[in-house]
Amino acid sequence: MFSIKMDKRKWRIAFVLFLILAIIGVLVYEAFIYAPKPIQNPNADRIYEEDYLNDNCECLARERLACGFSGYEVVGNFCMKEKNITNPIRKCSKYNCNGDIINYSG
């Protein structure tokens, strides 16, 4: 009977250790692997993803032209797809991220 209790204790300790390691693993994954990081480029200080800038920074200027429909390309001041022409939309080209001014060309 004493050996059965020891087995239960060992299983409980193993289970608790497994839970602790799983929680630590999730925290490490979120902190180091999942977190968005700037990509280093020798020509620029930082390159950011557009989604990151939109979510975390304030837009200062909208000077970048983009097409709102798939398949269209910016040609001059218009969006063209074969013979169809439409007006472009203006997307953010300059962001303020905690005091850092970032020019984004897309």
Protein backbone atom coordinates (compact mmCIF):
# COMPACT_ATOMS: atom_id res chain seq x y z
CA MET A 1 0.00 0.00 0.00
CA PHE A 2 2.90 2.37 0.72
CA SER A 3 4.31 1.84 -2.79
CA ILE A 4 0.98 2.82 -4.39
CA LYS A 5 1.01 6.16 -2.55
CA MET A 6 4.55 6.80 -3.70
CA ASP A 7 3.48 6.08 -7.27
CA LYS A 8 0.64 8.61 -6.97
CA ARG A 9 3.02 11.17 -5.52
CA LYS A 10 5.48 10.64 -8.35
CA TRP A 11 2.72 11.03 -10.93
CA ARG A 12 1.48 14.23 -9.28
CA ILE A 13 4.99 15.68 -9.18
CA ALA A 14 5.60 14.72 -12.80
CA PHE A 15 2.28 16.26 -13.85
CA VAL A 16 2.96 19.53 -12.00
CA LEU A 17 6.46 19.73 -13.51
CA PHE A 18 4.99 19.13 -16.97
CA LEU A 19 2.49 21.97 -16.48
CA ILE A 20 5.20 24.34 -15.27
CA LEU A 21 7.43 23.52 -18.25
CA ALA A 22 4.50 23.94 -20.66
CA ILE A 23 3.69 27.38 -19.24
CA ILE A 24 7.35 28.43 -19.43
CA GLY A 25 7.50 27.16 -23.02
CA VAL A 26 4.47 29.23 -24.04
CA LEU A 27 5.93 32.35 -22.40
CA VAL A 28 9.28 31.89 -24.13
CA TYR A 29 7.55 31.34 -27.47
CA GLU A 30 5.48 34.52 -27.11
CA ALA A 31 8.39 36.64 -25.91
CA PHE A 32 11.12 35.61 -28.36
CA ILE A 33 9.62 33.87 -31.38
CA TYR A 34 6.11 35.30 -31.90
CA ALA A 35 6.83 38.97 -31.11
CA PRO A 36 7.17 41.19 -34.21
CA LYS A 37 10.71 42.44 -34.70
CA PRO A 38 12.16 44.98 -37.11
CA ILE A 39 14.28 43.55 -39.94
CA GLN A 40 17.78 45.01 -40.14
CA ASN A 41 18.78 46.51 -43.47
CA PRO A 42 22.15 48.12 -44.21
CA ASN A 43 20.46 50.94 -46.18
CA ALA A 44 17.85 51.82 -43.55
CA ASP A 45 17.69 51.74 -39.79
CA ARG A 46 14.55 49.62 -39.63
CA ILE A 47 12.02 48.06 -41.94
CA TYR A 48 8.59 47.41 -40.45
CA GLU A 49 5.59 45.50 -41.67
CA GLU A 50 2.74 47.76 -42.70
CA ASP A 51 0.30 46.01 -40.34
CA TYR A 52 2.65 46.62 -37.40
CA LEU A 53 2.89 50.33 -38.24
CA ASN A 54 -0.89 50.69 -38.64
CA ASP A 55 -1.56 48.99 -35.31
CA ASN A 56 1.18 50.57 -33.17
CA CYS A 57 2.03 53.97 -34.67
CA GLU A 58 0.36 57.25 -35.55
CA CYS A 59 0.02 58.23 -39.23
CA LEU A 60 1.54 61.66 -39.96
CA ALA A 61 1.21 61.89 -43.77
CA ARG A 62 -0.79 60.13 -46.49
CA GLU A 63 1.24 60.50 -49.68
CA ARG A 64 1.63 56.91 -50.87
CA LEU A 65 -0.69 55.89 -53.72
CA ALA A 66 -2.20 52.40 -53.76
CA CYS A 67 -4.98 50.62 -55.57
CA GLY A 68 -7.95 49.39 -53.57
CA PHE A 69 -8.85 46.54 -55.94
CA SER A 70 -6.89 43.40 -56.68
CA GLY A 71 -5.21 43.22 -60.07
CA TYR A 72 -4.91 47.00 -60.48
CA GLU A 73 -1.51 48.72 -60.64
CA VAL A 74 -0.60 52.34 -60.00
CA VAL A 75 0.30 54.03 -63.29
CA GLY A 76 1.00 57.72 -62.85
CA ASN A 77 -1.88 59.07 -60.78
CA PHE A 78 -4.35 56.32 -61.68
CA CYS A 79 -4.96 52.64 -61.05
CA MET A 80 -5.12 50.59 -64.25
CA LYS A 81 -6.12 47.04 -65.12
CA GLU A 82 -6.12 46.38 -68.84
CA LYS A 83 -8.47 49.12 -70.16
CA ASN A 84 -10.14 49.88 -66.82
CA ILE A 85 -9.06 52.98 -64.92
CA THR A 86 -9.93 53.99 -61.35
CA ASN A 87 -8.66 56.46 -58.77
CA PRO A 88 -6.02 55.36 -56.26
CA ILE A 89 -6.34 55.62 -52.52
CA ARG A 90 -3.78 57.40 -50.36
CA LYS A 91 -2.10 55.26 -47.75
CA CYS A 92 0.05 56.39 -44.88
CA SER A 93 3.65 57.19 -45.84
CA LYS A 94 5.01 58.65 -42.58
CA TYR A 95 4.52 57.26 -39.09
CA ASN A 96 5.31 58.41 -35.56
CA CYS A 97 6.27 55.40 -33.42
CA ASN A 98 7.01 56.56 -29.88
CA GLY A 99 8.93 59.59 -31.11
CA ASP A 100 10.68 57.81 -34.00
CA ILE A 101 9.61 59.17 -37.40
CA ILE A 102 9.47 56.37 -39.96
CA ASN A 103 9.04 56.95 -43.71
CA TYR A 104 7.29 53.96 -45.26
CA SER A 105 7.34 53.52 -49.03
CA GLY A 106 5.62 50.15 -49.14
